[in-house]
């Protein structure tokens, strides 16, 4: 076993064709592997255009593209496990704002990334679309400042102006 293969010892889903698909929220499916370039700050981006969940009140399906971007530290999320995790929201009743925050918190707990952001672009229902965004940067690092600046890009910094009157 090469040293690179040792980094993959916790990966059980990739290449496994006997997968049981779970359509109920299942964060335990997520797997990680070691970041081989910890000395570098770089982006890993996932675009998930076929995300579905259920409205917790009506039970109607909600469709979205989920964008996940992160700067890894020691651990990285394995993409097949992420696909299966996102699929597990299929029959999960959850408001749009909850979806992006749950995904972000689960990935923070899993990987402890330097920085992460999750953005949901939900299709309209009833004539309105909801596009929630959340982010996180490791405390007391430059990534905490990145999180604040990225929030500004989403026009949420206007809240600070209101609070500072």
C-alpha atoms as a PDB file:
ATOM      1  CA  UNK A   1       0.000   0.000   0.000  1.00  0.00           C
ATOM      2  CA  UNK A   2       1.496   3.345  -1.039  1.00  0.00           C
ATOM      3  CA  UNK A   3       1.446   6.362   1.261  1.00  0.00           C
ATOM      4  CA  UNK A   4      -1.259   7.907  -0.943  1.00  0.00           C
ATOM      5  CA  UNK A   5      -3.430   4.796  -0.526  1.00  0.00           C
ATOM      6  CA  UNK A   6      -3.182   5.113   3.267  1.00  0.00           C
ATOM      7  CA  UNK A   7      -4.983   8.465   2.971  1.00  0.00           C
ATOM      8  CA  UNK A   8      -7.951   6.616   1.453  1.00  0.00           C
ATOM      9  CA  UNK A   9      -8.452   3.900   4.070  1.00  0.00           C
ATOM     10  CA  UNK A  10     -11.730   5.453   5.324  1.00  0.00           C
ATOM     11  CA  UNK A  11     -13.262   5.630   1.844  1.00  0.00           C
ATOM     12  CA  UNK A  12     -15.835   2.832   1.510  1.00  0.00           C
ATOM     13  CA  UNK A  13     -18.383   4.158  -0.998  1.00  0.00           C
ATOM     14  CA  UNK A  14     -16.236   5.049  -3.998  1.00  0.00           C
ATOM     15  CA  UNK A  15     -16.291   2.147  -6.458  1.00  0.00           C
ATOM     16  CA  UNK A  16     -18.783   0.235  -4.305  1.00  0.00           C
ATOM     17  CA  UNK A  17     -21.702  -0.803  -6.511  1.00  0.00           C
ATOM     18  CA  UNK A  18     -23.766  -2.321  -3.690  1.00  0.00           C
ATOM     19  CA  UNK A  19     -24.881   1.025  -2.295  1.00  0.00           C
ATOM     20  CA  UNK A  20     -28.183   1.279  -0.453  1.00  0.00           C
ATOM     21  CA  UNK A  21     -29.742   4.645  -1.236  1.00  0.00           C
ATOM     22  CA  UNK A  22     -31.172   6.388   1.799  1.00  0.00           C
ATOM     23  CA  UNK A  23     -33.854   8.976   1.029  1.00  0.00           C
ATOM     24  CA  UNK A  24     -34.094  10.239   4.613  1.00  0.00           C
ATOM     25  CA  UNK A  25     -31.588  12.691   6.098  1.00  0.00           C
ATOM     26  CA  UNK A  26     -28.413  10.706   6.740  1.00  0.00           C
ATOM     27  CA  UNK A  27     -25.278  12.735   7.630  1.00  0.00           C
ATOM     28  CA  UNK A  28     -23.430   9.601   8.772  1.00  0.00           C
ATOM     29  CA  UNK A  29     -22.891   8.680   5.090  1.00  0.00           C
ATOM     30  CA  UNK A  30     -20.282  11.450   4.675  1.00  0.00           C
ATOM     31  CA  UNK A  31     -16.667  10.317   4.342  1.00  0.00           C
ATOM     32  CA  UNK A  32     -13.365  12.184   4.273  1.00  0.00           C
ATOM     33  CA  UNK A  33      -9.834  11.738   3.042  1.00  0.00           C
ATOM     34  CA  UNK A  34      -6.650  13.638   3.848  1.00  0.00           C
ATOM     35  CA  UNK A  35      -5.839  16.852   2.012  1.00  0.00           C
ATOM     36  CA  UNK A  36      -2.539  16.205   0.234  1.00  0.00           C
ATOM     37  CA  UNK A  37      -1.882  19.950  -0.196  1.00  0.00           C
ATOM     38  CA  UNK A  38      -2.411  21.342   3.289  1.00  0.00           C
ATOM     39  CA  UNK A  39       0.282  23.959   2.708  1.00  0.00           C
ATOM     40  CA  UNK A  40      -1.897  25.599   0.016  1.00  0.00           C
ATOM     41  CA  UNK A  41      -5.079  27.610   0.313  1.00  0.00           C
ATOM     42  CA  UNK A  42      -7.321  26.546  -2.575  1.00  0.00           C
ATOM     43  CA  UNK A  43     -11.002  26.239  -3.397  1.00  0.00           C
ATOM     44  CA  UNK A  44     -12.977  23.037  -3.791  1.00  0.00           C
ATOM     45  CA  UNK A  45     -16.368  23.695  -5.375  1.00  0.00           C
ATOM     46  CA  UNK A  46     -19.368  21.438  -5.820  1.00  0.00           C
ATOM     47  CA  UNK A  47     -22.407  22.347  -7.919  1.00  0.00           C
ATOM     48  CA  UNK A  48     -25.377  20.116  -7.210  1.00  0.00           C
ATOM     49  CA  UNK A  49     -28.118  21.012  -9.747  1.00  0.00           C
ATOM     50  CA  UNK A  50     -30.542  18.192  -8.897  1.00  0.00           C
ATOM     51  CA  UNK A  51     -31.070  18.751  -5.169  1.00  0.00           C
ATOM     52  CA  UNK A  52     -34.526  18.023  -3.755  1.00  0.00           C
ATOM     53  CA  UNK A  53     -36.091  18.226  -0.329  1.00  0.00           C
ATOM     54  CA  UNK A  54     -39.637  18.538   0.955  1.00  0.00           C
ATOM     55  CA  UNK A  55     -41.510  21.491   2.380  1.00  0.00           C
ATOM     56  CA  UNK A  56     -41.996  20.590   6.061  1.00  0.00           C
ATOM     57  CA  UNK A  57     -45.528  22.024   6.048  1.00  0.00           C
ATOM     58  CA  UNK A  58     -47.066  20.984   2.710  1.00  0.00           C
ATOM     59  CA  UNK A  59     -44.877  17.984   1.858  1.00  0.00           C
ATOM     60  CA  UNK A  60     -44.432  19.429  -1.646  1.00  0.00           C
ATOM     61  CA  UNK A  61     -41.025  18.906  -3.287  1.00  0.00           C
ATOM     62  CA  UNK A  62     -38.534  21.755  -3.456  1.00  0.00           C
ATOM     63  CA  UNK A  63     -35.892  21.744  -6.182  1.00  0.00           C
ATOM     64  CA  UNK A  64     -32.591  23.601  -6.026  1.00  0.00           C
ATOM     65  CA  UNK A  65     -29.044  23.890  -7.151  1.00  0.00           C
ATOM     66  CA  UNK A  66     -26.808  23.718  -4.094  1.00  0.00           C
ATOM     67  CA  UNK A  67     -23.384  25.347  -4.380  1.00  0.00           C
ATOM     68  CA  UNK A  68     -20.787  24.250  -1.845  1.00  0.00           C
ATOM     69  CA  UNK A  69     -17.374  25.941  -1.847  1.00  0.00           C
ATOM     70  CA  UNK A  70     -14.693  25.368   0.732  1.00  0.00           C
ATOM     71  CA  UNK A  71     -11.026  25.820   1.497  1.00  0.00           C
ATOM     72  CA  UNK A  72      -9.861  22.552   3.057  1.00  0.00           C
ATOM     73  CA  UNK A  73      -7.598  22.174   6.038  1.00  0.00           C
ATOM     74  CA  UNK A  74      -6.612  18.598   6.959  1.00  0.00           C
ATOM     75  CA  UNK A  75      -9.706  16.703   5.772  1.00  0.00           C
ATOM     76  CA  UNK A  76     -11.710  16.825   2.534  1.00  0.00           C
ATOM     77  CA  UNK A  77     -15.147  15.434   1.771  1.00  0.00           C
ATOM     78  CA  UNK A  78     -15.301  12.492  -0.622  1.00  0.00           C
ATOM     79  CA  UNK A  79     -17.600  13.413  -3.520  1.00  0.00           C
ATOM     80  CA  UNK A  80     -19.642  10.197  -3.810  1.00  0.00           C
ATOM     81  CA  UNK A  81     -20.463  10.326  -0.115  1.00  0.00           C
ATOM     82  CA  UNK A  82     -21.482  13.976  -0.584  1.00  0.00           C
ATOM     83  CA  UNK A  83     -23.807  12.971  -3.453  1.00  0.00           C
ATOM     84  CA  UNK A  84     -25.421  10.286  -1.303  1.00  0.00           C
ATOM     85  CA  UNK A  85     -25.695  12.723   1.614  1.00  0.00           C
ATOM     86  CA  UNK A  86     -27.432  15.331  -0.551  1.00  0.00           C
ATOM     87  CA  UNK A  87     -29.740  12.616  -1.901  1.00  0.00           C
ATOM     88  CA  UNK A  88     -30.713  11.828   1.691  1.00  0.00           C
ATOM     89  CA  UNK A  89     -32.599  15.148   1.831  1.00  0.00           C
ATOM     90  CA  UNK A  90     -35.042  13.805  -0.804  1.00  0.00           C
ATOM     91  CA  UNK A  91     -37.782  12.913   1.698  1.00  0.00           C
ATOM     92  CA  UNK A  92     -36.628  15.260   4.454  1.00  0.00           C
ATOM     93  CA  UNK A  93     -38.952  18.093   5.409  1.00  0.00           C
ATOM     94  CA  UNK A  94     -36.831  21.203   5.746  1.00  0.00           C
ATOM     95  CA  UNK A  95     -37.185  24.909   5.007  1.00  0.00           C
ATOM     96  CA  UNK A  96     -34.748  26.299   2.419  1.00  0.00           C
ATOM     97  CA  UNK A  97     -32.827  28.309   5.014  1.00  0.00           C
ATOM     98  CA  UNK A  98     -32.470  25.209   7.176  1.00  0.00           C
ATOM     99  CA  UNK A  99     -31.154  23.156   4.256  1.00  0.00           C
ATOM    100  CA  UNK A 100     -28.106  25.341   3.620  1.00  0.00           C
ATOM    101  CA  UNK A 101     -27.310  25.766   7.318  1.00  0.00           C
ATOM    102  CA  UNK A 102     -27.631  22.034   8.045  1.00  0.00           C
ATOM    103  CA  UNK A 103     -25.385  21.159   5.100  1.00  0.00           C
ATOM    104  CA  UNK A 104     -22.790  23.730   6.182  1.00  0.00           C
ATOM    105  CA  UNK A 105     -22.816  22.619   9.831  1.00  0.00           C
ATOM    106  CA  UNK A 106     -22.550  18.933   8.899  1.00  0.00           C
ATOM    107  CA  UNK A 107     -19.561  19.660   6.650  1.00  0.00           C
ATOM    108  CA  UNK A 108     -17.900  21.826   9.309  1.00  0.00           C
ATOM    109  CA  UNK A 109     -18.339  19.017  11.837  1.00  0.00           C
ATOM    110  CA  UNK A 110     -16.980  16.493   9.329  1.00  0.00           C
ATOM    111  CA  UNK A 111     -13.965  18.334   7.897  1.00  0.00           C
ATOM    112  CA  UNK A 112     -13.255  21.423   9.992  1.00  0.00           C
ATOM    113  CA  UNK A 113     -12.459  23.392   6.815  1.00  0.00           C
ATOM    114  CA  UNK A 114     -10.584  26.679   6.883  1.00  0.00           C
ATOM    115  CA  UNK A 115     -13.553  28.273   5.127  1.00  0.00           C
ATOM    116  CA  UNK A 116     -16.888  27.081   3.733  1.00  0.00           C
ATOM    117  CA  UNK A 117     -19.970  28.550   2.107  1.00  0.00           C
ATOM    118  CA  UNK A 118     -23.227  26.973   1.008  1.00  0.00           C
ATOM    119  CA  UNK A 119     -25.683  28.669  -1.290  1.00  0.00           C
ATOM    120  CA  UNK A 120     -29.082  27.286  -2.283  1.00  0.00           C
ATOM    121  CA  UNK A 121     -30.735  28.504  -5.485  1.00  0.00           C
ATOM    122  CA  UNK A 122     -34.260  27.132  -5.069  1.00  0.00           C
ATOM    123  CA  UNK A 123     -36.766  27.113  -7.917  1.00  0.00           C
ATOM    124  CA  UNK A 124     -39.834  29.277  -7.399  1.00  0.00           C
ATOM    125  CA  UNK A 125     -42.944  27.884  -5.811  1.00  0.00           C
ATOM    126  CA  UNK A 126     -45.976  30.115  -5.534  1.00  0.00           C
ATOM    127  CA  UNK A 127     -44.228  32.805  -7.593  1.00  0.00           C
ATOM    128  CA  UNK A 128     -41.219  33.352  -5.315  1.00  0.00           C
ATOM    129  CA  UNK A 129     -37.776  31.825  -5.116  1.00  0.00           C
ATOM    130  CA  UNK A 130     -35.586  31.708  -2.033  1.00  0.00           C
ATOM    131  CA  UNK A 131     -31.783  31.715  -2.335  1.00  0.00           C
ATOM    132  CA  UNK A 132     -30.312  31.303   1.174  1.00  0.00           C
ATOM    133  CA  UNK A 133     -26.570  31.680   1.707  1.00  0.00           C
ATOM    134  CA  UNK A 134     -24.418  30.907   4.744  1.00  0.00           C
ATOM    135  CA  UNK A 135     -20.690  30.770   5.381  1.00  0.00           C
ATOM    136  CA  UNK A 136     -18.073  30.127   8.030  1.00  0.00           C
ATOM    137  CA  UNK A 137     -14.387  30.908   8.484  1.00  0.00           C
ATOM    138  CA  UNK A 138     -12.188  29.400  11.191  1.00  0.00           C
ATOM    139  CA  UNK A 139     -12.152  31.739  14.194  1.00  0.00           C
ATOM    140  CA  UNK A 140      -9.097  33.904  14.808  1.00  0.00           C
ATOM    141  CA  UNK A 141      -7.720  33.299  11.299  1.00  0.00           C
ATOM    142  CA  UNK A 142      -7.778  35.227   8.056  1.00  0.00           C
ATOM    143  CA  UNK A 143     -10.646  32.951   7.025  1.00  0.00           C
ATOM    144  CA  UNK A 144     -12.895  34.494   9.658  1.00  0.00           C
ATOM    145  CA  UNK A 145     -12.337  37.788   7.814  1.00  0.00           C
ATOM    146  CA  UNK A 146     -12.958  36.094   4.466  1.00  0.00           C
ATOM    147  CA  UNK A 147     -16.342  34.946   5.775  1.00  0.00           C
ATOM    148  CA  UNK A 148     -17.240  38.492   6.807  1.00  0.00           C
ATOM    149  CA  UNK A 149     -16.172  39.915   3.441  1.00  0.00           C
ATOM    150  CA  UNK A 150     -18.017  37.220   1.482  1.00  0.00           C
ATOM    151  CA  UNK A 151     -21.140  38.050   3.467  1.00  0.00           C
ATOM    152  CA  UNK A 152     -20.742  41.648   2.314  1.00  0.00           C
ATOM    153  CA  UNK A 153     -20.863  40.452  -1.272  1.00  0.00           C
ATOM    154  CA  UNK A 154     -24.385  39.216  -0.558  1.00  0.00           C
ATOM    155  CA  UNK A 155     -25.542  42.681   0.583  1.00  0.00           C
ATOM    156  CA  UNK A 156     -25.977  41.531   4.146  1.00  0.00           C
ATOM    157  CA  UNK A 157     -23.469  44.128   5.352  1.00  0.00           C
ATOM    158  CA  UNK A 158     -26.311  46.652   5.206  1.00  0.00           C
ATOM    159  CA  UNK A 159     -27.511  45.054   8.437  1.00  0.00           C
ATOM    160  CA  UNK A 160     -24.343  46.313  10.127  1.00  0.00           C
ATOM    161  CA  UNK A 161     -25.134  49.870   9.023  1.00  0.00           C
ATOM    162  CA  UNK A 162     -28.606  49.601  10.530  1.00  0.00           C
ATOM    163  CA  UNK A 163     -27.239  48.256  13.828  1.00  0.00           C
ATOM    164  CA  UNK A 164     -24.579  50.979  14.078  1.00  0.00           C
ATOM    165  CA  UNK A 165     -26.916  54.002  13.827  1.00  0.00           C
END
